Protein backbone atom coordinates (compact mmCIF):
# COMPACT_ATOMS: atom_id res chain seq x y z
CA VAL A 1 17.49 41.73 -76.05
CA PHE A 2 17.37 38.23 -78.00
CA LEU A 3 20.62 38.51 -79.78
CA ASP A 4 22.52 39.90 -76.76
CA ILE A 5 21.32 36.47 -75.27
CA PHE A 6 21.38 34.39 -77.85
CA PRO A 7 24.31 35.98 -80.07
CA ASP A 8 24.80 33.34 -82.98
CA PHE A 9 21.20 33.33 -83.77
CA ILE A 10 21.24 34.60 -87.05
CA GLN A 11 24.77 32.94 -88.24
CA THR A 12 23.49 29.42 -86.62
CA VAL A 13 20.10 30.22 -89.35
CA ASN A 14 21.77 30.95 -92.07
CA ASP A 15 24.14 27.91 -91.53
CA CYS A 16 20.80 26.11 -91.87
CA LEU A 17 19.99 28.32 -95.05
CA LYS A 18 20.71 27.65 -98.76
CA PRO A 19 23.87 30.21 -99.57
CA GLU A 20 21.53 32.50 -101.76
CA ASP A 21 19.19 31.93 -99.31
CA ARG A 22 20.41 33.91 -96.87
CA ILE A 23 18.52 36.86 -94.49
CA ILE A 24 21.01 39.73 -93.98
CA LEU A 25 19.41 42.03 -91.02
CA LYS A 26 18.77 45.29 -92.21
CA LYS A 27 21.04 48.52 -91.10
CA SER A 28 18.87 49.23 -88.01
CA GLY A 29 20.28 45.97 -86.97
CA ASN A 30 16.30 44.86 -86.43
CA MET A 31 15.48 40.64 -86.85
CA THR A 32 13.11 40.30 -90.12
CA THR A 33 9.54 38.50 -89.76
CA GLU A 34 10.20 35.42 -90.62
CA LEU A 35 13.42 35.89 -87.91
CA ARG A 36 10.95 36.21 -85.16
CA ILE A 37 9.31 33.19 -86.38
CA ILE A 38 12.06 31.43 -85.77
CA ALA A 39 13.09 32.88 -82.23
CA LEU A 40 9.54 32.46 -81.45
CA THR A 41 9.73 28.98 -81.91
CA LYS A 42 13.13 28.49 -80.43
CA LEU A 43 11.23 29.56 -77.25
CA GLY A 44 8.45 27.72 -77.43
CA ILE A 45 5.67 29.41 -79.36
CA ASN A 46 4.94 27.48 -81.76
CA ASP A 47 1.05 28.29 -82.40
CA ASN A 48 0.76 30.08 -85.31
CA THR A 49 -2.26 31.87 -84.07
CA LYS A 50 -0.42 33.13 -80.92
CA ILE A 51 2.31 34.50 -82.97
CA ALA A 52 0.52 36.44 -85.99
CA GLU A 53 -0.86 37.72 -82.48
CA LEU A 54 2.69 38.46 -80.70
CA LEU A 55 4.39 39.93 -84.55
CA HIS A 56 0.75 41.61 -84.67
CA CYS A 57 0.19 39.94 -88.06
CA SER A 58 -1.73 38.10 -90.26
CA VAL A 59 -1.98 34.12 -89.29
CA LYS A 60 -2.03 33.65 -92.95
CA THR A 61 1.05 35.42 -92.95
CA ILE A 62 2.90 33.26 -90.48
CA TYR A 63 2.14 30.18 -92.57
CA ASN A 64 3.54 31.49 -96.00
CA LEU A 65 6.48 33.37 -93.82
CA ARG A 66 6.93 29.12 -92.72
CA TYR A 67 6.24 27.70 -95.83
CA GLU A 68 8.53 29.99 -97.43
CA LEU A 69 11.50 29.62 -94.93
CA LYS A 70 10.64 25.00 -95.49
CA ASN A 71 11.43 25.90 -99.07
CA ARG A 72 14.74 27.71 -98.32
CA LEU A 73 16.20 25.18 -96.25
CA ALA A 74 19.60 23.14 -96.76
CA ILE A 75 18.94 21.09 -94.64
CA PRO A 76 16.18 18.78 -93.56
CA GLU A 77 13.52 20.59 -91.74
CA GLU A 78 13.43 18.24 -88.45
CA GLU A 79 17.42 18.44 -88.74
CA PHE A 80 16.78 22.95 -88.60
CA LYS A 81 14.24 22.46 -85.53
CA SER A 82 16.15 20.27 -83.61
CA ILE A 83 19.09 23.18 -83.72
CA ILE A 84 17.00 25.86 -83.73
CA SER A 85 15.70 23.69 -80.43
CA GLY A 86 19.24 22.73 -79.25
CA MET A 87 20.92 26.13 -79.05
């Protein structure tokens, strides 16, 4: 449903990543945990504990995935946050 509401979401995220670090959906079409974290952030949920509850994983997993994502950005983190929140 999220991708129906924001059809350009994945392309927008990938445009912010280094070319070699772009995210490709699996054949099933399900978003990766990374994309789900970004999607929840877009929806205004920023608390790692709440995101972990919603995604049924540990807070440490959320922290680690966010850290890895920051390292994969081709643009400054603040610009990425602005782009995601403004979509």
